[in-house]
Amino acid sequence: METGGTRMAITNKIEQVKSKQVEVGIILENLTYNQIDNYIDNNITDLASAKEFLKKLSKVVLYIERDNV
């Protein structure tokens, strides 16, 4: 059974997710192709960092697909 505390925690989590969605949208709108290239060149240095980047990229793509940003 859901308590008031649980309901508040769920509401807070929903607000955090909405805030993060806005933040991601703003970041994506402001990136240039050169900035993305530079980020990859400077931060993707081995297989582990490539896997981490692909995980993040997959989450962004999923977010865009689900929420039609």
PDB file of N, CA and C in Angstrom:
ATOM      1  N   MET A   1       0.841  -1.184   0.000  1.00  0.00           N
ATOM      2  CA  MET A   1       0.000   0.000   0.000  1.00  0.00           C
ATOM      3  C   MET A   1       0.888   1.250   0.000  1.00  0.00           C
ATOM      4  N   GLU A   2       0.517   2.205  -0.789  1.00  0.00           N
ATOM      5  CA  GLU A   2       1.302   3.423  -0.937  1.00  0.00           C
ATOM      6  C   GLU A   2       1.038   4.385   0.214  1.00  0.00           C
ATOM      7  N   THR A   3       2.112   4.901   0.791  1.00  0.00           N
ATOM      8  CA  THR A   3       1.975   5.866   1.876  1.00  0.00           C
ATOM      9  C   THR A   3       2.194   7.271   1.348  1.00  0.00           C
ATOM     10  N   GLY A   4       1.915   8.250   2.186  1.00  0.00           N
ATOM     11  CA  GLY A   4       2.146   9.645   1.797  1.00  0.00           C
ATOM     12  C   GLY A   4       3.603   9.910   1.483  1.00  0.00           C
ATOM     13  N   GLY A   5       4.503   9.282   2.256  1.00  0.00           N
ATOM     14  CA  GLY A   5       5.942   9.449   2.012  1.00  0.00           C
ATOM     15  C   GLY A   5       6.360   8.856   0.679  1.00  0.00           C
ATOM     16  N   THR A   6       5.805   7.700   0.358  1.00  0.00           N
ATOM     17  CA  THR A   6       6.107   7.062  -0.916  1.00  0.00           C
ATOM     18  C   THR A   6       5.589   7.905  -2.072  1.00  0.00           C
ATOM     19  N   ARG A   7       4.396   8.426  -1.932  1.00  0.00           N
ATOM     20  CA  ARG A   7       3.804   9.277  -2.975  1.00  0.00           C
ATOM     21  C   ARG A   7       4.666  10.516  -3.187  1.00  0.00           C
ATOM     22  N   MET A   8       5.142  11.108  -2.094  1.00  0.00           N
ATOM     23  CA  MET A   8       5.998  12.298  -2.185  1.00  0.00           C
ATOM     24  C   MET A   8       7.318  11.952  -2.874  1.00  0.00           C
ATOM     25  N   ALA A   9       7.877  10.797  -2.547  1.00  0.00           N
ATOM     26  CA  ALA A   9       9.134  10.376  -3.175  1.00  0.00           C
ATOM     27  C   ALA A   9       8.943  10.183  -4.675  1.00  0.00           C
ATOM     28  N   ILE A  10       7.830   9.592  -5.064  1.00  0.00           N
ATOM     29  CA  ILE A  10       7.537   9.391  -6.486  1.00  0.00           C
ATOM     30  C   ILE A  10       7.352  10.740  -7.187  1.00  0.00           C
ATOM     31  N   THR A  11       6.631  11.639  -6.559  1.00  0.00           N
ATOM     32  CA  THR A  11       6.415  12.968  -7.128  1.00  0.00           C
ATOM     33  C   THR A  11       7.737  13.702  -7.292  1.00  0.00           C
ATOM     34  N   ASN A  12       8.603  13.608  -6.289  1.00  0.00           N
ATOM     35  CA  ASN A  12       9.917  14.259  -6.366  1.00  0.00           C
ATOM     36  C   ASN A  12      10.756  13.671  -7.496  1.00  0.00           C
ATOM     37  N   LYS A  13      10.704  12.352  -7.655  1.00  0.00           N
ATOM     38  CA  LYS A  13      11.466  11.703  -8.720  1.00  0.00           C
ATOM     39  C   LYS A  13      10.953  12.136 -10.085  1.00  0.00           C
ATOM     40  N   ILE A  14       9.658  12.240 -10.242  1.00  0.00           N
ATOM     41  CA  ILE A  14       9.071  12.696 -11.506  1.00  0.00           C
ATOM     42  C   ILE A  14       9.550  14.108 -11.827  1.00  0.00           C
ATOM     43  N   GLU A  15       9.572  14.970 -10.838  1.00  0.00           N
ATOM     44  CA  GLU A  15      10.039  16.346 -11.053  1.00  0.00           C
ATOM     45  C   GLU A  15      11.520  16.374 -11.427  1.00  0.00           C
ATOM     46  N   GLN A  16      12.321  15.497 -10.820  1.00  0.00           N
ATOM     47  CA  GLN A  16      13.744  15.422 -11.164  1.00  0.00           C
ATOM     48  C   GLN A  16      13.917  14.986 -12.620  1.00  0.00           C
ATOM     49  N   VAL A  17      13.132  14.003 -13.035  1.00  0.00           N
ATOM     50  CA  VAL A  17      13.218  13.514 -14.411  1.00  0.00           C
ATOM     51  C   VAL A  17      12.802  14.607 -15.388  1.00  0.00           C
ATOM     52  N   LYS A  18      11.726  15.316 -15.093  1.00  0.00           N
ATOM     53  CA  LYS A  18      11.283  16.401 -15.967  1.00  0.00           C
ATOM     54  C   LYS A  18      12.356  17.471 -16.081  1.00  0.00           C
ATOM     55  N   SER A  19      12.991  17.801 -14.968  1.00  0.00           N
ATOM     56  CA  SER A  19      14.048  18.797 -14.968  1.00  0.00           C
ATOM     57  C   SER A  19      15.219  18.332 -15.825  1.00  0.00           C
ATOM     58  N   LYS A  20      15.577  17.058 -15.706  1.00  0.00           N
ATOM     59  CA  LYS A  20      16.684  16.504 -16.481  1.00  0.00           C
ATOM     60  C   LYS A  20      16.335  16.496 -17.970  1.00  0.00           C
ATOM     61  N   GLN A  21      15.078  16.238 -18.308  1.00  0.00           N
ATOM     62  CA  GLN A  21      14.659  16.253 -19.704  1.00  0.00           C
ATOM     63  C   GLN A  21      14.844  17.638 -20.306  1.00  0.00           C
ATOM     64  N   VAL A  22      14.476  18.660 -19.580  1.00  0.00           N
ATOM     65  CA  VAL A  22      14.654  20.041 -20.043  1.00  0.00           C
ATOM     66  C   VAL A  22      16.136  20.334 -20.220  1.00  0.00           C
ATOM     67  N   GLU A  23      16.941  19.917 -19.249  1.00  0.00           N
ATOM     68  CA  GLU A  23      18.384  20.150 -19.300  1.00  0.00           C
ATOM     69  C   GLU A  23      19.002  19.475 -20.527  1.00  0.00           C
ATOM     70  N   VAL A  24      18.646  18.235 -20.775  1.00  0.00           N
ATOM     71  CA  VAL A  24      19.175  17.506 -21.932  1.00  0.00           C
ATOM     72  C   VAL A  24      18.748  18.195 -23.225  1.00  0.00           C
ATOM     73  N   GLY A  25      17.505  18.616 -23.300  1.00  0.00           N
ATOM     74  CA  GLY A  25      17.022  19.312 -24.485  1.00  0.00           C
ATOM     75  C   GLY A  25      17.808  20.576 -24.767  1.00  0.00           C
ATOM     76  N   ILE A  26      18.092  21.345 -23.740  1.00  0.00           N
ATOM     77  CA  ILE A  26      18.852  22.589 -23.896  1.00  0.00           C
ATOM     78  C   ILE A  26      20.273  22.288 -24.355  1.00  0.00           C
ATOM     79  N   ILE A  27      20.895  21.286 -23.760  1.00  0.00           N
ATOM     80  CA  ILE A  27      22.261  20.919 -24.151  1.00  0.00           C
ATOM     81  C   ILE A  27      22.290  20.494 -25.614  1.00  0.00           C
ATOM     82  N   LEU A  28      21.353  19.660 -26.021  1.00  0.00           N
ATOM     83  CA  LEU A  28      21.342  19.173 -27.397  1.00  0.00           C
ATOM     84  C   LEU A  28      21.087  20.290 -28.393  1.00  0.00           C
ATOM     85  N   GLU A  29      20.237  21.229 -28.044  1.00  0.00           N
ATOM     86  CA  GLU A  29      19.944  22.341 -28.945  1.00  0.00           C
ATOM     87  C   GLU A  29      21.163  23.226 -29.188  1.00  0.00           C
ATOM     88  N   ASN A  30      22.050  23.304 -28.198  1.00  0.00           N
ATOM     89  CA  ASN A  30      23.165  24.241 -28.281  1.00  0.00           C
ATOM     90  C   ASN A  30      24.470  23.638 -28.776  1.00  0.00           C
ATOM     91  N   LEU A  31      24.526  22.327 -28.977  1.00  0.00           N
ATOM     92  CA  LEU A  31      25.760  21.705 -29.438  1.00  0.00           C
ATOM     93  C   LEU A  31      25.942  21.878 -30.937  1.00  0.00           C
ATOM     94  N   THR A  32      27.181  22.093 -31.339  1.00  0.00           N
ATOM     95  CA  THR A  32      27.510  22.134 -32.761  1.00  0.00           C
ATOM     96  C   THR A  32      28.161  20.809 -33.146  1.00  0.00           C
ATOM     97  N   TYR A  33      28.229  20.541 -34.433  1.00  0.00           N
ATOM     98  CA  TYR A  33      28.899  19.325 -34.896  1.00  0.00           C
ATOM     99  C   TYR A  33      30.365  19.319 -34.465  1.00  0.00           C
ATOM    100  N   ASN A  34      31.011  20.474 -34.537  1.00  0.00           N
ATOM    101  CA  ASN A  34      32.416  20.564 -34.112  1.00  0.00           C
ATOM    102  C   ASN A  34      32.588  20.256 -32.636  1.00  0.00           C
ATOM    103  N   GLN A  35      31.675  20.730 -31.807  1.00  0.00           N
ATOM    104  CA  GLN A  35      31.765  20.453 -30.378  1.00  0.00           C
ATOM    105  C   GLN A  35      31.629  18.959 -30.102  1.00  0.00           C
ATOM    106  N   ILE A  36      30.744  18.311 -30.822  1.00  0.00           N
ATOM    107  CA  ILE A  36      30.582  16.868 -30.645  1.00  0.00           C
ATOM    108  C   ILE A  36      31.851  16.147 -31.097  1.00  0.00           C
ATOM    109  N   ASP A  37      32.387  16.529 -32.248  1.00  0.00           N
ATOM    110  CA  ASP A  37      33.630  15.922 -32.730  1.00  0.00           C
ATOM    111  C   ASP A  37      34.757  16.110 -31.720  1.00  0.00           C
ATOM    112  N   ASN A  38      34.890  17.331 -31.192  1.00  0.00           N
ATOM    113  CA  ASN A  38      35.937  17.611 -30.212  1.00  0.00           C
ATOM    114  C   ASN A  38      35.763  16.790 -28.946  1.00  0.00           C
ATOM    115  N   TYR A  39      34.524  16.669 -28.473  1.00  0.00           N
ATOM    116  CA  TYR A  39      34.273  15.873 -27.271  1.00  0.00           C
ATOM    117  C   TYR A  39      34.714  14.429 -27.496  1.00  0.00           C
ATOM    118  N   ILE A  40      34.333  13.877 -28.646  1.00  0.00           N
ATOM    119  CA  ILE A  40      34.701  12.486 -28.937  1.00  0.00           C
ATOM    120  C   ILE A  40      36.213  12.342 -29.057  1.00  0.00           C
ATOM    121  N   ASP A  41      36.851  13.241 -29.786  1.00  0.00           N
ATOM    122  CA  ASP A  41      38.307  13.175 -29.946  1.00  0.00           C
ATOM    123  C   ASP A  41      39.042  13.268 -28.609  1.00  0.00           C
ATOM    124  N   ASN A  42      38.529  14.088 -27.704  1.00  0.00           N
ATOM    125  CA  ASN A  42      39.216  14.316 -26.430  1.00  0.00           C
ATOM    126  C   ASN A  42      38.849  13.328 -25.331  1.00  0.00           C
ATOM    127  N   ASN A  43      37.709  12.663 -25.451  1.00  0.00           N
ATOM    128  CA  ASN A  43      37.233  11.837 -24.347  1.00  0.00           C
ATOM    129  C   ASN A  43      37.094  10.355 -24.647  1.00  0.00           C
ATOM    130  N   ILE A  44      37.047   9.982 -25.898  1.00  0.00           N
ATOM    131  CA  ILE A  44      36.928   8.571 -26.253  1.00  0.00           C
ATOM    132  C   ILE A  44      38.325   8.078 -26.603  1.00  0.00           C
ATOM    133  N   THR A  45      38.962   7.476 -25.614  1.00  0.00           N
ATOM    134  CA  THR A  45      40.377   7.119 -25.768  1.00  0.00           C
ATOM    135  C   THR A  45      40.641   5.622 -25.735  1.00  0.00           C
ATOM    136  N   ASP A  46      39.661   4.833 -25.309  1.00  0.00           N
ATOM    137  CA  ASP A  46      39.845   3.385 -25.240  1.00  0.00           C
ATOM    138  C   ASP A  46      38.475   2.709 -25.298  1.00  0.00           C
ATOM    139  N   LEU A  47      38.480   1.403 -25.248  1.00  0.00           N
ATOM    140  CA  LEU A  47      37.224   0.667 -25.360  1.00  0.00           C
ATOM    141  C   LEU A  47      36.268   1.000 -24.215  1.00  0.00           C
ATOM    142  N   ALA A  48      36.763   1.138 -23.012  1.00  0.00           N
ATOM    143  CA  ALA A  48      35.899   1.436 -21.862  1.00  0.00           C
ATOM    144  C   ALA A  48      35.203   2.783 -22.026  1.00  0.00           C
ATOM    145  N   SER A  49      35.952   3.801 -22.448  1.00  0.00           N
ATOM    146  CA  SER A  49      35.330   5.118 -22.621  1.00  0.00           C
ATOM    147  C   SER A  49      34.367   5.109 -23.813  1.00  0.00           C
ATOM    148  N   ALA A  50      34.668   4.312 -24.837  1.00  0.00           N
ATOM    149  CA  ALA A  50      33.754   4.199 -25.979  1.00  0.00           C
ATOM    150  C   ALA A  50      32.446   3.544 -25.542  1.00  0.00           C
ATOM    151  N   LYS A  51      32.534   2.526 -24.701  1.00  0.00           N
ATOM    152  CA  LYS A  51      31.328   1.859 -24.209  1.00  0.00           C
ATOM    153  C   LYS A  51      30.486   2.812 -23.365  1.00  0.00           C
ATOM    154  N   GLU A  52      31.125   3.587 -22.508  1.00  0.00           N
ATOM    155  CA  GLU A  52      30.395   4.555 -21.685  1.00  0.00           C
ATOM    156  C   GLU A  52      29.699   5.594 -22.549  1.00  0.00           C
ATOM    157  N   PHE A  53      30.406   6.074 -23.568  1.00  0.00           N
ATOM    158  CA  PHE A  53      29.810   7.054 -24.469  1.00  0.00           C
ATOM    159  C   PHE A  53      28.612   6.462 -25.209  1.00  0.00           C
ATOM    160  N   LEU A  54      28.749   5.227 -25.686  1.00  0.00           N
ATOM    161  CA  LEU A  54      27.648   4.580 -26.397  1.00  0.00           C
ATOM    162  C   LEU A  54      26.438   4.375 -25.482  1.00  0.00           C
ATOM    163  N   LYS A  55      26.671   4.092 -24.219  1.00  0.00           N
ATOM    164  CA  LYS A  55      25.566   3.962 -23.266  1.00  0.00           C
ATOM    165  C   LYS A  55      24.823   5.293 -23.132  1.00  0.00           C
ATOM    166  N   LYS A  56      25.592   6.368 -22.976  1.00  0.00           N
ATOM    167  CA  LYS A  56      24.983   7.696 -22.841  1.00  0.00           C
ATOM    168  C   LYS A  56      24.242   8.079 -24.126  1.00  0.00           C
ATOM    169  N   LEU A  57      24.874   7.840 -25.253  1.00  0.00           N
ATOM    170  CA  LEU A  57      24.257   8.169 -26.538  1.00  0.00           C
ATOM    171  C   LEU A  57      22.966   7.380 -26.737  1.00  0.00           C
ATOM    172  N   SER A  58      22.978   6.123 -26.372  1.00  0.00           N
ATOM    173  CA  SER A  58      21.781   5.289 -26.499  1.00  0.00           C
ATOM    174  C   SER A  58      20.646   5.824 -25.638  1.00  0.00           C
ATOM    175  N   LYS A  59      20.978   6.298 -24.447  1.00  0.00           N
ATOM    176  CA  LYS A  59      19.953   6.859 -23.559  1.00  0.00           C
ATOM    177  C   LYS A  59      19.374   8.148 -24.132  1.00  0.00           C
ATOM    178  N   VAL A  60      20.222   8.969 -24.740  1.00  0.00           N
ATOM    179  CA  VAL A  60      19.735  10.205 -25.360  1.00  0.00           C
ATOM    180  C   VAL A  60      18.817   9.877 -26.528  1.00  0.00           C
ATOM    181  N   VAL A  61      19.221   8.919 -27.355  1.00  0.00           N
ATOM    182  CA  VAL A  61      18.392   8.522 -28.500  1.00  0.00           C
ATOM    183  C   VAL A  61      17.058   7.968 -28.012  1.00  0.00           C
ATOM    184  N   LEU A  62      17.092   7.143 -26.989  1.00  0.00           N
ATOM    185  CA  LEU A  62      15.859   6.593 -26.432  1.00  0.00           C
ATOM    186  C   LEU A  62      14.963   7.695 -25.884  1.00  0.00           C
ATOM    187  N   TYR A  63      15.567   8.652 -25.205  1.00  0.00           N
ATOM    188  CA  TYR A  63      14.807   9.803 -24.675  1.00  0.00           C
ATOM    189  C   TYR A  63      14.121  10.565 -25.811  1.00  0.00           C
ATOM    190  N   ILE A  64      14.875  10.821 -26.859  1.00  0.00           N
ATOM    191  CA  ILE A  64      14.304  11.561 -28.000  1.00  0.00           C
ATOM    192  C   ILE A  64      13.182  10.759 -28.638  1.00  0.00           C
ATOM    193  N   GLU A  65      13.401   9.487 -28.817  1.00  0.00           N
ATOM    194  CA  GLU A  65      12.378   8.635 -29.439  1.00  0.00           C
ATOM    195  C   GLU A  65      11.111   8.566 -28.606  1.00  0.00           C
ATOM    196  N   ARG A  66      11.251   8.411 -27.313  1.00  0.00           N
ATOM    197  CA  ARG A  66      10.085   8.261 -26.436  1.00  0.00           C
ATOM    198  C   ARG A  66       9.348   9.576 -26.224  1.00  0.00           C
ATOM    199  N   ASP A  67      10.095  10.656 -26.106  1.00  0.00           N
ATOM    200  CA  ASP A  67       9.477  11.931 -25.745  1.00  0.00           C
ATOM    201  C   ASP A  67       9.360  12.902 -26.897  1.00  0.00           C
ATOM    202  N   ASN A  68       9.798  12.513 -28.069  1.00  0.00           N
ATOM    203  CA  ASN A  68       9.683  13.350 -29.265  1.00  0.00           C
ATOM    204  C   ASN A  68      10.170  14.766 -29.034  1.00  0.00           C
ATOM    205  N   VAL A  69      11.400  14.885 -28.598  1.00  0.00           N
ATOM    206  CA  VAL A  69      11.985  16.206 -28.329  1.00  0.00           C
ATOM    207  C   VAL A  69      12.057  16.993 -29.612  1.00  0.00           C
TER     208      VAL A  69
END
